[in-house]
N, C-alpha and C. Protein backbone atom coordinates (compact mmCIF):
# COMPACT_ATOMS: atom_id res chain seq x y z
N UNK A 1 -99.32 131.45 3.55
CA UNK A 1 -98.49 131.92 4.66
C UNK A 1 -97.36 132.78 4.10
N UNK A 2 -97.14 133.97 4.66
CA UNK A 2 -96.09 134.85 4.18
C UNK A 2 -94.70 134.25 4.43
N UNK A 3 -93.75 134.68 3.65
CA UNK A 3 -92.38 134.20 3.81
C UNK A 3 -91.82 134.64 5.17
N UNK A 4 -91.02 133.77 5.83
CA UNK A 4 -90.52 134.11 7.16
C UNK A 4 -89.55 135.30 7.17
N UNK A 5 -88.99 135.66 6.02
CA UNK A 5 -88.05 136.77 5.96
C UNK A 5 -88.73 138.03 5.41
N UNK A 6 -89.99 138.20 5.71
CA UNK A 6 -90.74 139.32 5.16
C UNK A 6 -90.18 140.67 5.63
N UNK A 7 -90.47 141.68 4.84
CA UNK A 7 -90.06 143.04 5.17
C UNK A 7 -90.66 143.48 6.51
N UNK A 8 -91.89 143.07 6.79
CA UNK A 8 -92.54 143.47 8.04
C UNK A 8 -91.78 142.94 9.26
N UNK A 9 -91.35 141.69 9.21
CA UNK A 9 -90.56 141.14 10.32
C UNK A 9 -89.23 141.89 10.47
N UNK A 10 -88.60 142.20 9.35
CA UNK A 10 -87.33 142.92 9.39
C UNK A 10 -87.51 144.30 10.01
N UNK A 11 -88.60 144.99 9.67
CA UNK A 11 -88.87 146.31 10.25
C UNK A 11 -89.08 146.18 11.75
N UNK A 12 -89.86 145.19 12.18
CA UNK A 12 -90.12 145.00 13.62
C UNK A 12 -88.82 144.72 14.36
N UNK A 13 -88.00 143.82 13.84
CA UNK A 13 -86.72 143.51 14.50
C UNK A 13 -85.86 144.78 14.63
N UNK A 14 -85.79 145.54 13.57
CA UNK A 14 -84.97 146.76 13.58
C UNK A 14 -85.52 147.79 14.57
N UNK A 15 -86.82 147.94 14.62
CA UNK A 15 -87.50 148.88 15.52
C UNK A 15 -87.10 148.62 16.98
N UNK A 16 -87.17 147.37 17.40
CA UNK A 16 -86.82 147.03 18.78
C UNK A 16 -85.31 147.14 19.03
N UNK A 17 -84.50 146.75 18.06
CA UNK A 17 -83.05 146.84 18.21
C UNK A 17 -82.63 148.31 18.36
N UNK A 18 -83.20 149.17 17.55
CA UNK A 18 -82.86 150.59 17.62
C UNK A 18 -83.27 151.19 18.96
N UNK A 19 -84.40 150.77 19.51
CA UNK A 19 -84.78 151.24 20.85
C UNK A 19 -83.71 150.84 21.86
N UNK A 20 -83.34 149.57 21.85
CA UNK A 20 -82.35 149.09 22.82
C UNK A 20 -81.00 149.78 22.67
N UNK A 21 -80.66 150.18 21.45
CA UNK A 21 -79.40 150.88 21.19
C UNK A 21 -79.54 152.39 21.40
N UNK A 22 -80.72 152.85 21.77
CA UNK A 22 -81.05 154.26 21.98
C UNK A 22 -80.82 155.09 20.72
N UNK A 23 -81.03 154.47 19.59
CA UNK A 23 -80.97 155.17 18.30
C UNK A 23 -82.42 155.56 17.96
N UNK A 24 -82.96 156.42 18.80
CA UNK A 24 -84.40 156.70 18.78
C UNK A 24 -84.83 157.51 17.57
N UNK A 25 -83.95 158.38 17.07
CA UNK A 25 -84.30 159.12 15.86
C UNK A 25 -84.46 158.16 14.68
N UNK A 26 -83.56 157.18 14.60
CA UNK A 26 -83.66 156.19 13.53
C UNK A 26 -84.90 155.34 13.70
N UNK A 27 -85.20 154.94 14.93
CA UNK A 27 -86.42 154.16 15.18
C UNK A 27 -87.65 154.97 14.78
N UNK A 28 -87.64 156.26 15.09
CA UNK A 28 -88.76 157.13 14.74
C UNK A 28 -88.97 157.22 13.23
N UNK A 29 -87.91 157.06 12.46
CA UNK A 29 -88.04 157.11 11.00
C UNK A 29 -88.75 155.87 10.45
N UNK A 30 -88.88 154.84 11.28
CA UNK A 30 -89.63 153.64 10.88
C UNK A 30 -91.13 153.81 11.12
N UNK A 31 -91.51 154.93 11.73
CA UNK A 31 -92.91 155.21 12.08
C UNK A 31 -93.51 156.14 11.03
N UNK A 32 -94.65 155.76 10.51
CA UNK A 32 -95.37 156.60 9.55
C UNK A 32 -95.80 157.89 10.25
N UNK A 33 -95.75 159.03 9.57
CA UNK A 33 -96.13 160.31 10.19
C UNK A 33 -97.55 160.33 10.76
N UNK A 34 -98.42 159.47 10.28
CA UNK A 34 -99.80 159.43 10.78
C UNK A 34 -100.10 158.15 11.57
N UNK A 35 -99.08 157.44 12.00
CA UNK A 35 -99.28 156.19 12.74
C UNK A 35 -100.07 156.44 14.02
N UNK A 36 -100.78 155.42 14.46
CA UNK A 36 -101.51 155.50 15.72
C UNK A 36 -100.94 154.49 16.69
N UNK A 37 -100.64 154.96 17.91
CA UNK A 37 -100.19 154.11 19.01
C UNK A 37 -101.34 154.01 20.00
N UNK A 38 -101.77 152.79 20.28
CA UNK A 38 -102.89 152.56 21.19
C UNK A 38 -102.41 151.69 22.34
N UNK A 39 -102.46 152.23 23.55
CA UNK A 39 -102.13 151.48 24.76
C UNK A 39 -103.44 151.01 25.36
N UNK A 40 -103.71 149.73 25.24
CA UNK A 40 -104.99 149.17 25.66
C UNK A 40 -105.24 149.40 27.15
N UNK A 41 -104.26 149.07 27.99
CA UNK A 41 -104.45 149.12 29.45
C UNK A 41 -104.72 150.53 29.96
N UNK A 42 -104.15 151.53 29.32
CA UNK A 42 -104.27 152.91 29.82
C UNK A 42 -105.18 153.78 28.95
N UNK A 43 -105.68 153.22 27.88
CA UNK A 43 -106.57 153.92 26.95
C UNK A 43 -105.90 155.10 26.25
N UNK A 44 -104.57 155.12 26.24
CA UNK A 44 -103.85 156.20 25.57
C UNK A 44 -103.85 155.96 24.07
N UNK A 45 -103.95 157.04 23.33
CA UNK A 45 -103.81 157.01 21.87
C UNK A 45 -102.95 158.20 21.48
N UNK A 46 -101.86 157.89 20.84
CA UNK A 46 -100.94 158.93 20.38
C UNK A 46 -100.70 158.74 18.90
N UNK A 47 -100.34 159.83 18.22
CA UNK A 47 -100.22 159.76 16.75
C UNK A 47 -98.84 160.16 16.27
N UNK A 48 -98.45 159.47 15.22
CA UNK A 48 -97.29 159.83 14.43
C UNK A 48 -95.96 159.71 15.14
N UNK A 49 -94.97 160.33 14.52
CA UNK A 49 -93.62 160.29 15.07
C UNK A 49 -93.54 161.03 16.39
N UNK A 50 -94.32 162.09 16.54
CA UNK A 50 -94.36 162.81 17.82
C UNK A 50 -94.94 161.91 18.90
N UNK A 51 -95.94 161.13 18.56
CA UNK A 51 -96.51 160.17 19.50
C UNK A 51 -95.49 159.12 19.91
N UNK A 52 -94.74 158.63 18.94
CA UNK A 52 -93.67 157.67 19.25
C UNK A 52 -92.67 158.29 20.22
N UNK A 53 -92.23 159.49 19.92
CA UNK A 53 -91.24 160.15 20.79
C UNK A 53 -91.80 160.37 22.20
N UNK A 54 -93.09 160.72 22.30
CA UNK A 54 -93.70 160.93 23.61
C UNK A 54 -93.75 159.62 24.41
N UNK A 55 -94.09 158.53 23.74
CA UNK A 55 -94.14 157.24 24.43
C UNK A 55 -92.76 156.79 24.88
N UNK A 56 -91.77 156.94 24.02
CA UNK A 56 -90.41 156.55 24.38
C UNK A 56 -89.94 157.41 25.55
N UNK A 57 -90.21 158.71 25.51
CA UNK A 57 -89.80 159.59 26.60
C UNK A 57 -90.46 159.18 27.91
N UNK A 58 -91.74 158.79 27.85
CA UNK A 58 -92.46 158.37 29.05
C UNK A 58 -91.77 157.17 29.69
N UNK A 59 -91.46 156.15 28.86
CA UNK A 59 -90.84 154.93 29.39
C UNK A 59 -89.41 155.20 29.86
N UNK A 60 -88.63 155.96 29.10
CA UNK A 60 -87.24 156.18 29.48
C UNK A 60 -87.12 157.14 30.66
N UNK A 61 -88.09 158.01 30.86
CA UNK A 61 -88.11 158.83 32.06
C UNK A 61 -88.27 157.95 33.29
N UNK A 62 -89.09 156.93 33.18
CA UNK A 62 -89.35 156.04 34.31
C UNK A 62 -88.27 154.97 34.45
N UNK A 63 -87.76 154.48 33.32
CA UNK A 63 -86.80 153.38 33.32
C UNK A 63 -85.63 153.75 32.40
N UNK A 64 -84.66 154.49 32.94
CA UNK A 64 -83.53 154.96 32.12
C UNK A 64 -82.79 153.81 31.45
N UNK A 65 -82.75 152.66 32.13
CA UNK A 65 -81.98 151.51 31.64
C UNK A 65 -82.86 150.50 30.90
N UNK A 66 -84.04 150.91 30.49
CA UNK A 66 -85.00 149.99 29.87
C UNK A 66 -84.41 149.28 28.65
N UNK A 67 -84.69 148.00 28.58
CA UNK A 67 -84.38 147.21 27.38
C UNK A 67 -85.59 146.34 27.09
N UNK A 68 -85.74 146.01 25.82
CA UNK A 68 -86.84 145.16 25.37
C UNK A 68 -86.25 143.89 24.80
N UNK A 69 -86.66 142.76 25.37
CA UNK A 69 -86.27 141.47 24.82
C UNK A 69 -87.39 140.97 23.93
N UNK A 70 -87.04 140.65 22.71
CA UNK A 70 -88.02 140.08 21.79
C UNK A 70 -88.08 138.57 22.06
N UNK A 71 -89.20 138.11 22.58
CA UNK A 71 -89.38 136.69 22.86
C UNK A 71 -89.84 135.97 21.61
N UNK A 72 -90.79 136.57 20.89
CA UNK A 72 -91.30 135.95 19.66
C UNK A 72 -91.88 137.03 18.76
N UNK A 73 -91.68 136.84 17.47
CA UNK A 73 -92.32 137.66 16.44
C UNK A 73 -93.10 136.71 15.55
N UNK A 74 -94.38 137.01 15.36
CA UNK A 74 -95.23 136.20 14.49
C UNK A 74 -95.80 137.08 13.40
N UNK A 75 -95.68 136.62 12.19
CA UNK A 75 -96.24 137.32 11.05
C UNK A 75 -97.67 136.83 10.88
N UNK A 76 -98.64 137.71 11.18
CA UNK A 76 -100.05 137.32 11.09
C UNK A 76 -100.54 137.40 9.66
N UNK A 77 -100.03 138.37 8.94
CA UNK A 77 -100.22 138.48 7.49
C UNK A 77 -99.06 139.35 7.00
N UNK A 78 -98.99 139.62 5.74
CA UNK A 78 -97.81 140.31 5.20
C UNK A 78 -97.56 141.66 5.84
N UNK A 79 -98.60 142.28 6.41
CA UNK A 79 -98.46 143.63 6.97
C UNK A 79 -98.63 143.68 8.49
N UNK A 80 -98.80 142.55 9.16
CA UNK A 80 -99.09 142.55 10.59
C UNK A 80 -98.14 141.62 11.34
N UNK A 81 -97.46 142.20 12.32
CA UNK A 81 -96.53 141.44 13.16
C UNK A 81 -97.03 141.50 14.60
N UNK A 82 -97.12 140.33 15.23
CA UNK A 82 -97.44 140.25 16.65
C UNK A 82 -96.14 139.95 17.38
N UNK A 83 -95.82 140.76 18.38
CA UNK A 83 -94.56 140.63 19.11
C UNK A 83 -94.83 140.34 20.58
N UNK A 84 -94.26 139.25 21.08
CA UNK A 84 -94.24 138.98 22.52
C UNK A 84 -92.91 139.50 23.03
N UNK A 85 -92.97 140.36 24.04
CA UNK A 85 -91.80 141.09 24.51
C UNK A 85 -91.70 141.03 26.02
N UNK A 86 -90.50 141.24 26.52
CA UNK A 86 -90.29 141.44 27.95
C UNK A 86 -89.52 142.74 28.10
N UNK A 87 -90.11 143.65 28.85
CA UNK A 87 -89.43 144.90 29.17
C UNK A 87 -88.73 144.76 30.50
N UNK A 88 -87.49 145.22 30.57
CA UNK A 88 -86.73 145.16 31.81
C UNK A 88 -86.15 146.53 32.11
N UNK A 89 -86.12 146.87 33.41
CA UNK A 89 -85.50 148.12 33.80
C UNK A 89 -85.71 148.40 35.27
N UNK A 90 -85.04 149.44 35.74
CA UNK A 90 -85.14 149.89 37.12
C UNK A 90 -85.91 151.20 37.12
N UNK A 91 -86.96 151.26 37.93
CA UNK A 91 -87.79 152.46 37.93
C UNK A 91 -87.13 153.57 38.74
N UNK A 92 -86.57 154.55 38.03
CA UNK A 92 -85.87 155.67 38.66
C UNK A 92 -86.63 156.99 38.53
N UNK A 93 -87.73 156.98 37.80
CA UNK A 93 -88.51 158.20 37.62
C UNK A 93 -90.00 157.88 37.61
N UNK A 94 -90.80 158.93 37.58
CA UNK A 94 -92.26 158.75 37.52
C UNK A 94 -92.64 158.02 36.24
N UNK A 95 -93.55 157.06 36.37
CA UNK A 95 -94.14 156.40 35.21
C UNK A 95 -95.53 156.98 35.04
N UNK A 96 -95.67 157.83 34.04
CA UNK A 96 -96.94 158.51 33.79
C UNK A 96 -97.72 157.67 32.79
N UNK A 97 -98.85 157.17 33.24
CA UNK A 97 -99.69 156.30 32.42
C UNK A 97 -100.92 157.06 31.97
N UNK A 98 -100.70 157.99 31.07
CA UNK A 98 -101.80 158.80 30.57
C UNK A 98 -102.39 159.64 31.68
N UNK A 99 -103.68 159.86 31.59
CA UNK A 99 -104.37 160.64 32.61
C UNK A 99 -104.83 159.75 33.75
N UNK A 100 -104.66 158.44 33.59
CA UNK A 100 -105.16 157.50 34.58
C UNK A 100 -104.39 157.57 35.89
N UNK A 101 -103.04 157.54 35.80
CA UNK A 101 -102.27 157.52 37.03
C UNK A 101 -100.80 157.71 36.73
N UNK A 102 -100.10 158.01 37.82
CA UNK A 102 -98.65 158.11 37.78
C UNK A 102 -98.11 157.22 38.89
N UNK A 103 -97.14 156.38 38.53
CA UNK A 103 -96.49 155.54 39.53
C UNK A 103 -95.16 156.20 39.89
N UNK A 104 -95.00 156.63 41.16
CA UNK A 104 -93.75 157.29 41.55
C UNK A 104 -92.58 156.31 41.51
N UNK A 105 -91.35 156.82 41.41
CA UNK A 105 -90.19 155.95 41.33
C UNK A 105 -90.06 155.08 42.57
N UNK A 106 -89.70 153.83 42.35
CA UNK A 106 -89.54 152.88 43.45
C UNK A 106 -88.09 152.44 43.62
N UNK A 107 -87.26 152.66 42.59
CA UNK A 107 -85.90 152.17 42.63
C UNK A 107 -85.80 150.66 42.43
N UNK A 108 -86.94 150.05 42.14
CA UNK A 108 -86.97 148.60 41.96
C UNK A 108 -86.72 148.22 40.51
N UNK A 109 -85.99 147.13 40.35
CA UNK A 109 -85.85 146.54 39.04
C UNK A 109 -87.06 145.65 38.79
N UNK A 110 -87.51 145.61 37.58
CA UNK A 110 -88.67 144.78 37.25
C UNK A 110 -88.57 144.32 35.81
N UNK A 111 -89.27 143.24 35.55
CA UNK A 111 -89.45 142.82 34.17
C UNK A 111 -90.93 142.56 33.98
N UNK A 112 -91.38 142.88 32.78
CA UNK A 112 -92.82 142.83 32.51
C UNK A 112 -93.06 142.32 31.11
N UNK A 113 -93.85 141.25 30.98
CA UNK A 113 -94.21 140.80 29.64
C UNK A 113 -95.27 141.72 29.04
N UNK A 114 -95.18 141.91 27.74
CA UNK A 114 -96.23 142.65 27.05
C UNK A 114 -96.29 142.19 25.60
N UNK A 115 -97.33 142.59 24.94
CA UNK A 115 -97.53 142.20 23.54
C UNK A 115 -97.85 143.44 22.73
N UNK A 116 -97.25 143.49 21.54
CA UNK A 116 -97.56 144.55 20.60
C UNK A 116 -97.98 143.91 19.28
N UNK A 117 -98.93 144.56 18.64
CA UNK A 117 -99.30 144.21 17.27
C UNK A 117 -98.97 145.43 16.42
N UNK A 118 -98.07 145.22 15.47
CA UNK A 118 -97.63 146.30 14.59
C UNK A 118 -98.19 146.06 13.19
N UNK A 119 -98.75 147.11 12.62
CA UNK A 119 -99.17 147.08 11.22
C UNK A 119 -98.12 147.87 10.44
N UNK A 120 -97.61 147.27 9.38
CA UNK A 120 -96.50 147.85 8.65
C UNK A 120 -96.85 147.86 7.16
N UNK A 121 -96.72 149.03 6.56
CA UNK A 121 -96.97 149.19 5.13
C UNK A 121 -95.80 149.93 4.51
N UNK A 122 -95.30 149.42 3.40
CA UNK A 122 -94.22 150.07 2.66
C UNK A 122 -93.03 150.40 3.57
N UNK A 123 -92.73 149.49 4.51
CA UNK A 123 -91.57 149.66 5.38
C UNK A 123 -91.76 150.61 6.54
N UNK A 124 -93.00 151.11 6.76
CA UNK A 124 -93.27 152.02 7.87
C UNK A 124 -94.35 151.46 8.78
N UNK A 125 -94.18 151.67 10.07
CA UNK A 125 -95.17 151.23 11.06
C UNK A 125 -96.34 152.20 11.01
N UNK A 126 -97.53 151.68 10.71
CA UNK A 126 -98.70 152.54 10.59
C UNK A 126 -99.59 152.51 11.83
N UNK A 127 -99.46 151.45 12.63
CA UNK A 127 -100.16 151.42 13.92
C UNK A 127 -99.51 150.41 14.84
N UNK A 128 -99.63 150.69 16.13
CA UNK A 128 -99.12 149.80 17.17
C UNK A 128 -100.20 149.69 18.23
N UNK A 129 -100.49 148.47 18.60
CA UNK A 129 -101.44 148.20 19.70
C UNK A 129 -100.65 147.50 20.78
N UNK A 130 -100.48 148.16 21.92
CA UNK A 130 -99.70 147.63 23.03
C UNK A 130 -100.64 147.16 24.13
N UNK A 131 -100.41 145.95 24.60
CA UNK A 131 -101.24 145.41 25.68
C UNK A 131 -100.36 144.85 26.77
N UNK A 132 -100.65 145.24 28.00
CA UNK A 132 -99.95 144.69 29.16
C UNK A 132 -100.92 144.74 30.33
N UNK A 133 -100.58 144.01 31.39
CA UNK A 133 -101.43 143.94 32.58
C UNK A 133 -101.02 145.06 33.53
N UNK A 134 -101.81 146.11 33.56
CA UNK A 134 -101.49 147.29 34.37
C UNK A 134 -101.40 146.94 35.85
N UNK A 135 -102.32 146.14 36.35
CA UNK A 135 -102.31 145.77 37.78
C UNK A 135 -101.07 144.96 38.12
N UNK A 136 -100.67 144.08 37.20
CA UNK A 136 -99.45 143.29 37.42
C UNK A 136 -98.23 144.20 37.43
N UNK A 137 -98.20 145.20 36.56
CA UNK A 137 -97.08 146.15 36.57
C UNK A 137 -97.02 146.87 37.90
N UNK A 138 -98.15 147.33 38.37
CA UNK A 138 -98.18 148.01 39.67
C UNK A 138 -97.67 147.09 40.78
N UNK A 139 -98.08 145.82 40.74
CA UNK A 139 -97.67 144.87 41.76
C UNK A 139 -96.15 144.67 41.72
N UNK A 140 -95.60 144.54 40.53
CA UNK A 140 -94.16 144.29 40.40
C UNK A 140 -93.33 145.51 40.79
N UNK A 141 -93.87 146.69 40.67
CA UNK A 141 -93.13 147.90 41.03
C UNK A 141 -93.37 148.35 42.47
N UNK A 142 -94.39 147.81 43.11
CA UNK A 142 -94.73 148.23 44.46
C UNK A 142 -93.56 147.98 45.41
N UNK A 143 -93.21 148.98 46.20
CA UNK A 143 -92.13 148.76 47.19
C UNK A 143 -92.55 147.67 48.18
N UNK A 144 -91.59 146.87 48.55
CA UNK A 144 -91.88 145.82 49.52
C UNK A 144 -92.17 146.46 50.86
N UNK A 145 -93.02 145.82 51.61
CA UNK A 145 -93.32 146.41 52.91
C UNK A 145 -94.50 145.88 53.44
């Protein structure tokens, strides 16, 4: 079993903290230039630091006040961190989910659990696999009526 204070856990903690602090350029420096981001629910695949910036822009366009709460970080092996997260924010803009769909702004606050698996080598994130329940997200954002 890897040590609980592994470099991979430290990178993951810093990555999420920098997002919440909107220090996005610094967070992007934790991403390997050839990293792959895979969104399971939407089938999106984006690459590298540009991919990271595109994903962050997508979420912050939809949820300007977005924050990520780290519920749990598990070290699966020395290079793999599984993160249970809760995203919170108010939907003030379009949420563009790849080519699949766009959810128009609802003005509703929502929180959504999701899970990421990060692969980290030499202090850089080399891949991220994000999984969330797309239908549940739609339900939570749907205007009441």
